[in-house]
Every structure is written in structure tokens, then in C-alpha cells.
Amino acid sequence: TAGYQAGPFMATYYASKAFVLSFTEALASELRGTGVTATVSCPGPIATGFASTAGNGTSRLFTQGGVAAADDVAREAYAAMIAGRVSIIHTAKLRIGLTLAKLMPRSVATGIARKLNLP
């Protein structure tokens, strides 16, 4: 879900996710009617070795935010792809959070992401 907002302390990561989100949505539109689909998975934090390798395993995002199991995310993403969905946000909590983030000033959403990315 990093692609939906700015992410202090992980700016390049968040920006790369924004590219993937935008690219997939555009590609899915271009592919419409061809029988080929494109799906982007937006799972939020996942329990893998990435967080500790990236140096943010002790951030609030990973210690207080609710971390998804990788196999659950993979199963849901696969089902979304088979169904031809363009994107999937994996939990109701994330969907609600992203909806609220759209309603608040971007500076507020960025401030929240900043706090979540701090240890």
C-alpha cells in the first residue's frame, strides 16, 4: 500500500511502489478486451525477511501495524489475478486507512507514514 502515499525514511521504496501501481493500472486499461489482464497486489506489511534487511524491522509499521502472512497474501493475490481484478488491497483495515488518507491533507498522511516508519 506504500504506492498510495509518500513515505518518509523509505522515500525511494514508496515511490517505486507508486510507479508499480500506476504502471499496472495503465497496463490493465491498455489490455482491456484482449483476454490478458494485469493485477497489482497491495498487501501492506508482510512477514518476510525484507523489513529486517531494509533496516526497518523495528519500525511501528512492522511492530504495531499488523503484519500479513506471506502465504495469505499470495493466495489472495492469485485469486484476484484469476478473477481479472486490476488491484487488490488485502485487508479491510488497509482499505479503510487508505480511504481516510485520501480524505485528509497529504501532509497529514505523510506525517502518519513518517511516524509509522520510525522505530
C-alpha atoms as a PDB file:
ATOM      1  CA  THR A   1       0.000   0.000   0.000  1.00  0.00           C
ATOM      2  CA  ALA A   2       3.078   2.241   0.051  1.00  0.00           C
ATOM      3  CA  GLY A   3       2.240   3.301  -3.510  1.00  0.00           C
ATOM      4  CA  TYR A   4      -0.730   5.339  -2.336  1.00  0.00           C
ATOM      5  CA  GLN A   5       1.220   7.876  -0.239  1.00  0.00           C
ATOM      6  CA  ALA A   6       4.564   9.463   0.485  1.00  0.00           C
ATOM      7  CA  GLY A   7       6.817   7.523   2.864  1.00  0.00           C
ATOM      8  CA  PRO A   8       9.449   9.416   4.837  1.00  0.00           C
ATOM      9  CA  PHE A   9      12.544   7.343   5.678  1.00  0.00           C
ATOM     10  CA  MET A  10      11.638   4.952   2.834  1.00  0.00           C
ATOM     11  CA  ALA A  11      11.045   7.518   0.087  1.00  0.00           C
ATOM     12  CA  THR A  12      12.538   5.512  -2.789  1.00  0.00           C
ATOM     13  CA  TYR A  13      10.648   2.368  -1.780  1.00  0.00           C
ATOM     14  CA  TYR A  14       7.310   4.195  -1.565  1.00  0.00           C
ATOM     15  CA  ALA A  15       7.947   5.994  -4.871  1.00  0.00           C
ATOM     16  CA  SER A  16       8.799   2.716  -6.612  1.00  0.00           C
ATOM     17  CA  LYS A  17       5.534   1.232  -5.357  1.00  0.00           C
ATOM     18  CA  ALA A  18       3.650   4.263  -6.719  1.00  0.00           C
ATOM     19  CA  PHE A  19       5.240   3.560 -10.106  1.00  0.00           C
ATOM     20  CA  VAL A  20       4.204  -0.110  -9.979  1.00  0.00           C
ATOM     21  CA  LEU A  21       0.638   0.835  -9.026  1.00  0.00           C
ATOM     22  CA  SER A  22       0.307   3.458 -11.762  1.00  0.00           C
ATOM     23  CA  PHE A  23       2.005   1.273 -14.367  1.00  0.00           C
ATOM     24  CA  THR A  24      -0.228  -1.722 -13.638  1.00  0.00           C
ATOM     25  CA  GLU A  25      -3.421   0.336 -13.720  1.00  0.00           C
ATOM     26  CA  ALA A  26      -2.416   1.852 -17.078  1.00  0.00           C
ATOM     27  CA  LEU A  27      -1.344  -1.516 -18.485  1.00  0.00           C
ATOM     28  CA  ALA A  28      -4.612  -3.128 -17.381  1.00  0.00           C
ATOM     29  CA  SER A  29      -6.505  -0.402 -19.234  1.00  0.00           C
ATOM     30  CA  GLU A  30      -4.424  -0.932 -22.381  1.00  0.00           C
ATOM     31  CA  LEU A  31      -5.045  -4.689 -22.202  1.00  0.00           C
ATOM     32  CA  ARG A  32      -8.818  -4.361 -21.783  1.00  0.00           C
ATOM     33  CA  GLY A  33     -10.630  -6.562 -24.284  1.00  0.00           C
ATOM     34  CA  THR A  34      -7.566  -8.641 -25.193  1.00  0.00           C
ATOM     35  CA  GLY A  35      -8.133 -11.521 -22.763  1.00  0.00           C
ATOM     36  CA  VAL A  36      -4.924 -10.616 -20.930  1.00  0.00           C
ATOM     37  CA  THR A  37      -5.094  -8.946 -17.511  1.00  0.00           C
ATOM     38  CA  ALA A  38      -2.712  -7.160 -15.174  1.00  0.00           C
ATOM     39  CA  THR A  39      -3.125  -7.214 -11.397  1.00  0.00           C
ATOM     40  CA  VAL A  40      -1.237  -5.294  -8.703  1.00  0.00           C
ATOM     41  CA  SER A  41      -1.134  -6.640  -5.159  1.00  0.00           C
ATOM     42  CA  CYS A  42      -1.170  -4.006  -2.379  1.00  0.00           C
ATOM     43  CA  PRO A  43      -0.744  -6.007   0.823  1.00  0.00           C
ATOM     44  CA  GLY A  44       0.846  -3.589   3.276  1.00  0.00           C
ATOM     45  CA  PRO A  45       3.484  -5.038   5.619  1.00  0.00           C
ATOM     46  CA  ILE A  46       4.201  -8.747   5.094  1.00  0.00           C
ATOM     47  CA  ALA A  47       6.033 -11.152   7.393  1.00  0.00           C
ATOM     48  CA  THR A  48       9.186 -11.796   5.358  1.00  0.00           C
ATOM     49  CA  GLY A  49      12.862 -11.025   5.863  1.00  0.00           C
ATOM     50  CA  PHE A  50      12.515  -7.761   3.920  1.00  0.00           C
ATOM     51  CA  ALA A  51      11.869  -5.482   6.901  1.00  0.00           C
ATOM     52  CA  SER A  52      14.954  -6.521   8.822  1.00  0.00           C
ATOM     53  CA  THR A  53      17.113  -6.469   5.669  1.00  0.00           C
ATOM     54  CA  ALA A  54      15.834  -2.973   4.818  1.00  0.00           C
ATOM     55  CA  GLY A  55      16.562  -1.834   8.365  1.00  0.00           C
ATOM     56  CA  ASN A  56      13.001  -1.081   9.390  1.00  0.00           C
ATOM     57  CA  GLY A  57      12.017  -4.288  11.156  1.00  0.00           C
ATOM     58  CA  THR A  58      11.670  -2.352  14.405  1.00  0.00           C
ATOM     59  CA  SER A  59       9.517   0.411  12.890  1.00  0.00           C
ATOM     60  CA  ARG A  60       5.988   0.930  14.152  1.00  0.00           C
ATOM     61  CA  LEU A  61       4.736  -0.198  10.765  1.00  0.00           C
ATOM     62  CA  PHE A  62       6.053  -3.699  11.445  1.00  0.00           C
ATOM     63  CA  THR A  63       5.700  -3.844  15.230  1.00  0.00           C
ATOM     64  CA  GLN A  64       2.278  -2.209  15.675  1.00  0.00           C
ATOM     65  CA  GLY A  65       0.642  -2.153  12.261  1.00  0.00           C
ATOM     66  CA  GLY A  66      -0.481  -5.727  11.797  1.00  0.00           C
ATOM     67  CA  VAL A  67       1.728  -7.805   9.535  1.00  0.00           C
ATOM     68  CA  ALA A  68       0.185 -10.151   6.948  1.00  0.00           C
ATOM     69  CA  ALA A  69       1.321 -13.721   6.384  1.00  0.00           C
ATOM     70  CA  ALA A  70       3.054 -14.123   3.022  1.00  0.00           C
ATOM     71  CA  ASP A  71       1.094 -17.249   2.056  1.00  0.00           C
ATOM     72  CA  ASP A  72      -2.246 -15.499   2.735  1.00  0.00           C
ATOM     73  CA  VAL A  73      -1.202 -12.533   0.587  1.00  0.00           C
ATOM     74  CA  ALA A  74      -0.047 -14.811  -2.232  1.00  0.00           C
ATOM     75  CA  ARG A  75      -3.301 -16.789  -2.159  1.00  0.00           C
ATOM     76  CA  GLU A  76      -5.442 -13.620  -2.245  1.00  0.00           C
ATOM     77  CA  ALA A  77      -3.322 -12.031  -4.983  1.00  0.00           C
ATOM     78  CA  TYR A  78      -3.579 -15.166  -7.115  1.00  0.00           C
ATOM     79  CA  ALA A  79      -7.369 -15.259  -6.697  1.00  0.00           C
ATOM     80  CA  ALA A  80      -7.586 -11.564  -7.671  1.00  0.00           C
ATOM     81  CA  MET A  81      -5.440 -12.198 -10.744  1.00  0.00           C
ATOM     82  CA  ILE A  82      -7.583 -15.172 -11.831  1.00  0.00           C
ATOM     83  CA  ALA A  83     -10.694 -13.009 -11.344  1.00  0.00           C
ATOM     84  CA  GLY A  84      -9.181 -10.329 -13.582  1.00  0.00           C
ATOM     85  CA  ARG A  85      -9.098  -7.656 -10.884  1.00  0.00           C
ATOM     86  CA  VAL A  86      -6.775  -4.722 -11.536  1.00  0.00           C
ATOM     87  CA  SER A  87      -5.754  -4.311  -7.898  1.00  0.00           C
ATOM     88  CA  ILE A  88      -6.218  -5.878  -4.517  1.00  0.00           C
ATOM     89  CA  ILE A  89      -5.773  -4.220  -1.143  1.00  0.00           C
ATOM     90  CA  HIS A  90      -5.561  -7.178   1.172  1.00  0.00           C
ATOM     91  CA  THR A  91      -7.323  -6.197   4.401  1.00  0.00           C
ATOM     92  CA  ALA A  92     -10.311  -4.115   5.422  1.00  0.00           C
ATOM     93  CA  LYS A  93      -8.053  -2.208   7.832  1.00  0.00           C
ATOM     94  CA  LEU A  94      -5.804  -1.144   4.938  1.00  0.00           C
ATOM     95  CA  ARG A  95      -8.765  -0.260   2.706  1.00  0.00           C
ATOM     96  CA  ILE A  96     -10.225   1.940   5.453  1.00  0.00           C
ATOM     97  CA  GLY A  97      -6.844   3.529   6.163  1.00  0.00           C
ATOM     98  CA  LEU A  98      -6.242   4.331   2.505  1.00  0.00           C
ATOM     99  CA  THR A  99      -9.731   5.784   2.150  1.00  0.00           C
ATOM    100  CA  LEU A 100      -9.124   8.023   5.167  1.00  0.00           C
ATOM    101  CA  ALA A 101      -5.715   9.022   3.780  1.00  0.00           C
ATOM    102  CA  LYS A 102      -7.411  10.221   0.575  1.00  0.00           C
ATOM    103  CA  LEU A 103      -9.725  12.443   2.617  1.00  0.00           C
ATOM    104  CA  MET A 104      -7.013  14.150   4.683  1.00  0.00           C
ATOM    105  CA  PRO A 105      -4.409  16.650   3.522  1.00  0.00           C
ATOM    106  CA  ARG A 106      -1.380  14.874   2.018  1.00  0.00           C
ATOM    107  CA  SER A 107       0.849  16.470   4.639  1.00  0.00           C
ATOM    108  CA  VAL A 108      -1.151  14.751   7.376  1.00  0.00           C
ATOM    109  CA  ALA A 109      -0.980  11.361   5.623  1.00  0.00           C
ATOM    110  CA  THR A 110       2.765  11.861   5.133  1.00  0.00           C
ATOM    111  CA  GLY A 111       3.124  12.690   8.829  1.00  0.00           C
ATOM    112  CA  ILE A 112       1.353   9.478   9.785  1.00  0.00           C
ATOM    113  CA  ALA A 113       3.581   7.444   7.453  1.00  0.00           C
ATOM    114  CA  ARG A 114       6.597   9.192   8.982  1.00  0.00           C
ATOM    115  CA  LYS A 115       5.576   8.065  12.471  1.00  0.00           C
ATOM    116  CA  LEU A 116       4.929   4.514  11.286  1.00  0.00           C
ATOM    117  CA  ASN A 117       8.352   4.294   9.634  1.00  0.00           C
ATOM    118  CA  LEU A 118      10.225   5.361  12.757  1.00  0.00           C
ATOM    119  CA  PRO A 119      11.483   2.702  15.227  1.00  0.00           C
END
